[in-house]
Amino acid sequence: MEYREKYLTQAEKDECVYTYFQKKLDEGANVTRATYDAMTAFGFRTPQTMYNIRRRVKRRQAEAEKRNADV
């Protein structure tokens, strides 16, 4: 449990980065600048595109909606 509190899971990190990215776009930043700011702000050490992160976030949201609909 201590590990969980100290470090975010990949899903939580993706969600935070995606939210931050969307906020930057809403503030008027271009896509390249918003992507760079998001990657550096959240400590992504490997080059990932916002497309990949967005795809993972949307997939998890769809899975959660499907689970909730089945219940």
Protein backbone atom coordinates (compact mmCIF):
# COMPACT_ATOMS: atom_id res chain seq x y z
CA MET A 1 0.00 0.00 0.00
CA GLU A 2 2.88 2.36 0.73
CA TYR A 3 4.14 1.90 -2.84
CA ARG A 4 0.70 2.80 -4.18
CA GLU A 5 0.60 6.04 -2.23
CA LYS A 6 4.07 7.10 -3.25
CA TYR A 7 3.84 6.40 -6.95
CA LEU A 8 0.97 6.84 -9.35
CA THR A 9 -0.12 3.90 -11.44
CA GLN A 10 0.27 4.25 -15.20
CA ALA A 11 -3.48 4.79 -15.59
CA GLU A 12 -3.51 7.59 -13.02
CA LYS A 13 -0.46 9.21 -14.59
CA ASP A 14 -2.01 9.00 -18.06
CA GLU A 15 -5.19 10.62 -16.79
CA CYS A 16 -3.25 13.46 -15.13
CA VAL A 17 -1.13 14.10 -18.21
CA TYR A 18 -4.15 14.04 -20.52
CA THR A 19 -6.06 16.47 -18.30
CA TYR A 20 -3.03 18.78 -18.14
CA PHE A 21 -2.61 18.57 -21.93
CA GLN A 22 -6.25 19.46 -22.52
CA LYS A 23 -5.96 22.40 -20.11
CA LYS A 24 -2.91 23.72 -21.98
CA LEU A 25 -4.74 23.46 -25.30
CA ASP A 26 -7.71 25.33 -23.83
CA GLU A 27 -5.33 28.07 -22.70
CA GLY A 28 -4.22 28.51 -26.31
CA ALA A 29 -0.94 26.58 -26.49
CA ASN A 30 -0.12 24.78 -29.70
CA VAL A 31 -0.06 20.97 -29.72
CA THR A 32 3.73 20.66 -29.76
CA ARG A 33 4.22 23.03 -26.83
CA ALA A 34 1.39 21.46 -24.83
CA THR A 35 2.83 17.98 -25.42
CA TYR A 36 6.34 19.03 -24.38
CA ASP A 37 5.04 20.78 -21.24
CA ALA A 38 2.93 17.76 -20.29
CA MET A 39 5.77 15.27 -20.78
CA THR A 40 8.25 17.32 -18.75
CA ALA A 41 5.78 18.28 -16.01
CA PHE A 42 4.92 14.65 -15.27
CA GLY A 43 8.38 13.16 -15.66
CA PHE A 44 7.89 10.91 -18.67
CA ARG A 45 11.40 9.80 -19.50
CA THR A 46 10.53 7.91 -22.65
CA PRO A 47 9.23 9.71 -25.70
CA GLN A 48 5.53 9.08 -25.84
CA THR A 49 3.04 10.82 -28.02
CA MET A 50 -0.10 12.37 -26.66
CA TYR A 51 -1.93 10.19 -29.18
CA ASN A 52 -0.84 7.04 -27.32
CA ILE A 53 -1.72 8.49 -23.92
CA ARG A 54 -5.08 9.76 -25.18
CA ARG A 55 -5.83 6.34 -26.70
CA ARG A 56 -5.09 4.58 -23.39
CA VAL A 57 -7.23 7.05 -21.42
CA LYS A 58 -10.18 6.73 -23.82
CA ARG A 59 -9.89 2.91 -23.82
CA ARG A 60 -9.95 2.78 -20.02
CA GLN A 61 -12.93 5.14 -19.92
CA ALA A 62 -14.80 2.97 -22.42
CA GLU A 63 -14.03 -0.18 -20.41
CA ALA A 64 -15.26 1.49 -17.21
CA GLU A 65 -18.47 2.63 -18.90
CA LYS A 66 -19.04 -0.89 -20.25
CA ARG A 67 -18.49 -2.40 -16.78
CA ASN A 68 -20.91 0.09 -15.24
CA ALA A 69 -23.50 -0.62 -17.92
CA ASP A 70 -23.23 -4.38 -17.31
CA VAL A 71 -23.80 -4.04 -13.56
